[in-house]
């Protein structure tokens, strides 16, 4: 079985950790908490305006992260020159 690395906001991580039982992995927690849940159940829950706004926010944040990453890489490369 493969693994995936995901990013969680600190508060989301703390919520997940609070749900974790003794001898339970985070994968086990996610499986237990999402058993029987389908994202299809939430399709259409947001208005078109809200969905568009969220999409714009996500897109902007991805671009910011890409720019921040590029700057870090450039600083590191400059340090080795």
C-alpha atoms as a PDB file:
ATOM      1  CA  UNK A   1       0.000   0.000   0.000  1.00  0.00           C
ATOM      2  CA  UNK A   2       1.324   3.448  -0.916  1.00  0.00           C
ATOM      3  CA  UNK A   3       1.329   6.592   1.149  1.00  0.00           C
ATOM      4  CA  UNK A   4       0.438  10.215   0.433  1.00  0.00           C
ATOM      5  CA  UNK A   5       1.606  13.346   2.143  1.00  0.00           C
ATOM      6  CA  UNK A   6      -1.097  15.929   2.815  1.00  0.00           C
ATOM      7  CA  UNK A   7      -1.062  19.395   4.336  1.00  0.00           C
ATOM      8  CA  UNK A   8      -3.432  20.272   7.137  1.00  0.00           C
ATOM      9  CA  UNK A   9      -3.985  23.560   8.872  1.00  0.00           C
ATOM     10  CA  UNK A  10      -2.890  23.415  12.507  1.00  0.00           C
ATOM     11  CA  UNK A  11      -6.460  23.479  13.773  1.00  0.00           C
ATOM     12  CA  UNK A  12      -7.479  20.651  11.428  1.00  0.00           C
ATOM     13  CA  UNK A  13      -4.526  18.572  12.591  1.00  0.00           C
ATOM     14  CA  UNK A  14      -5.467  19.164  16.238  1.00  0.00           C
ATOM     15  CA  UNK A  15      -9.047  18.073  15.527  1.00  0.00           C
ATOM     16  CA  UNK A  16      -7.836  14.916  13.822  1.00  0.00           C
ATOM     17  CA  UNK A  17      -5.372  14.207  16.618  1.00  0.00           C
ATOM     18  CA  UNK A  18      -8.147  14.654  19.195  1.00  0.00           C
ATOM     19  CA  UNK A  19     -10.120  11.916  17.429  1.00  0.00           C
ATOM     20  CA  UNK A  20      -7.167   9.528  17.445  1.00  0.00           C
ATOM     21  CA  UNK A  21      -7.541   6.551  19.770  1.00  0.00           C
ATOM     22  CA  UNK A  22      -4.737   4.651  21.464  1.00  0.00           C
ATOM     23  CA  UNK A  23      -2.873   2.395  19.002  1.00  0.00           C
ATOM     24  CA  UNK A  24      -4.746   3.957  16.068  1.00  0.00           C
ATOM     25  CA  UNK A  25      -2.892   5.435  13.103  1.00  0.00           C
ATOM     26  CA  UNK A  26      -4.026   8.656  11.444  1.00  0.00           C
ATOM     27  CA  UNK A  27      -5.059   6.537   8.447  1.00  0.00           C
ATOM     28  CA  UNK A  28      -7.252   4.498  10.773  1.00  0.00           C
ATOM     29  CA  UNK A  29      -8.813   7.696  12.139  1.00  0.00           C
ATOM     30  CA  UNK A  30      -9.610   9.006   8.672  1.00  0.00           C
ATOM     31  CA  UNK A  31     -11.106   5.661   7.650  1.00  0.00           C
ATOM     32  CA  UNK A  32     -13.225   5.496  10.805  1.00  0.00           C
ATOM     33  CA  UNK A  33     -14.476   9.059  10.517  1.00  0.00           C
ATOM     34  CA  UNK A  34     -15.261   8.854   6.813  1.00  0.00           C
ATOM     35  CA  UNK A  35     -16.774   5.387   6.708  1.00  0.00           C
ATOM     36  CA  UNK A  36     -19.900   5.577   4.601  1.00  0.00           C
ATOM     37  CA  UNK A  37     -19.399   9.254   3.688  1.00  0.00           C
ATOM     38  CA  UNK A  38     -19.434  10.224   0.032  1.00  0.00           C
ATOM     39  CA  UNK A  39     -18.507  13.652  -1.301  1.00  0.00           C
ATOM     40  CA  UNK A  40     -21.311  13.250  -3.809  1.00  0.00           C
ATOM     41  CA  UNK A  41     -23.720  13.862  -0.929  1.00  0.00           C
ATOM     42  CA  UNK A  42     -22.450  17.446  -0.772  1.00  0.00           C
ATOM     43  CA  UNK A  43     -22.639  18.205  -4.483  1.00  0.00           C
ATOM     44  CA  UNK A  44     -24.594  21.425  -4.998  1.00  0.00           C
ATOM     45  CA  UNK A  45     -24.397  22.434  -1.336  1.00  0.00           C
ATOM     46  CA  UNK A  46     -22.699  25.726  -2.225  1.00  0.00           C
ATOM     47  CA  UNK A  47     -24.211  28.490  -4.286  1.00  0.00           C
ATOM     48  CA  UNK A  48     -22.490  29.189  -7.608  1.00  0.00           C
ATOM     49  CA  UNK A  49     -21.221  32.526  -6.254  1.00  0.00           C
ATOM     50  CA  UNK A  50     -19.726  30.899  -3.158  1.00  0.00           C
ATOM     51  CA  UNK A  51     -18.153  28.113  -5.220  1.00  0.00           C
ATOM     52  CA  UNK A  52     -16.636  30.673  -7.603  1.00  0.00           C
ATOM     53  CA  UNK A  53     -15.276  32.696  -4.674  1.00  0.00           C
ATOM     54  CA  UNK A  54     -13.705  29.616  -3.085  1.00  0.00           C
ATOM     55  CA  UNK A  55     -12.203  28.567  -6.390  1.00  0.00           C
ATOM     56  CA  UNK A  56     -10.627  32.020  -6.774  1.00  0.00           C
ATOM     57  CA  UNK A  57      -9.220  31.911  -3.235  1.00  0.00           C
ATOM     58  CA  UNK A  58      -7.708  28.460  -3.793  1.00  0.00           C
ATOM     59  CA  UNK A  59      -6.244  29.503  -7.133  1.00  0.00           C
ATOM     60  CA  UNK A  60      -4.740  32.670  -5.659  1.00  0.00           C
ATOM     61  CA  UNK A  61      -3.257  30.763  -2.702  1.00  0.00           C
ATOM     62  CA  UNK A  62      -1.724  28.145  -5.013  1.00  0.00           C
ATOM     63  CA  UNK A  63      -0.123  30.898  -7.051  1.00  0.00           C
ATOM     64  CA  UNK A  64       1.221  32.554  -3.885  1.00  0.00           C
ATOM     65  CA  UNK A  65       2.711  29.246  -2.702  1.00  0.00           C
ATOM     66  CA  UNK A  66       4.301  28.677  -6.107  1.00  0.00           C
ATOM     67  CA  UNK A  67       5.854  32.151  -6.019  1.00  0.00           C
ATOM     68  CA  UNK A  68       7.072  31.650  -2.443  1.00  0.00           C
ATOM     69  CA  UNK A  69       8.601  28.300  -3.417  1.00  0.00           C
ATOM     70  CA  UNK A  70      10.316  29.820  -6.447  1.00  0.00           C
ATOM     71  CA  UNK A  71      11.814  32.583  -4.277  1.00  0.00           C
ATOM     72  CA  UNK A  72      13.116  30.033  -1.740  1.00  0.00           C
ATOM     73  CA  UNK A  73      14.709  27.968  -4.497  1.00  0.00           C
ATOM     74  CA  UNK A  74      16.325  31.083  -5.971  1.00  0.00           C
ATOM     75  CA  UNK A  75      17.722  32.097  -2.549  1.00  0.00           C
ATOM     76  CA  UNK A  76      19.170  28.626  -2.060  1.00  0.00           C
ATOM     77  CA  UNK A  77      20.658  28.604  -5.558  1.00  0.00           C
ATOM     78  CA  UNK A  78      22.167  32.059  -4.970  1.00  0.00           C
ATOM     79  CA  UNK A  79      23.728  30.836  -1.737  1.00  0.00           C
ATOM     80  CA  UNK A  80      25.566  28.101  -3.623  1.00  0.00           C
ATOM     81  CA  UNK A  81      26.943  30.436  -6.301  1.00  0.00           C
END
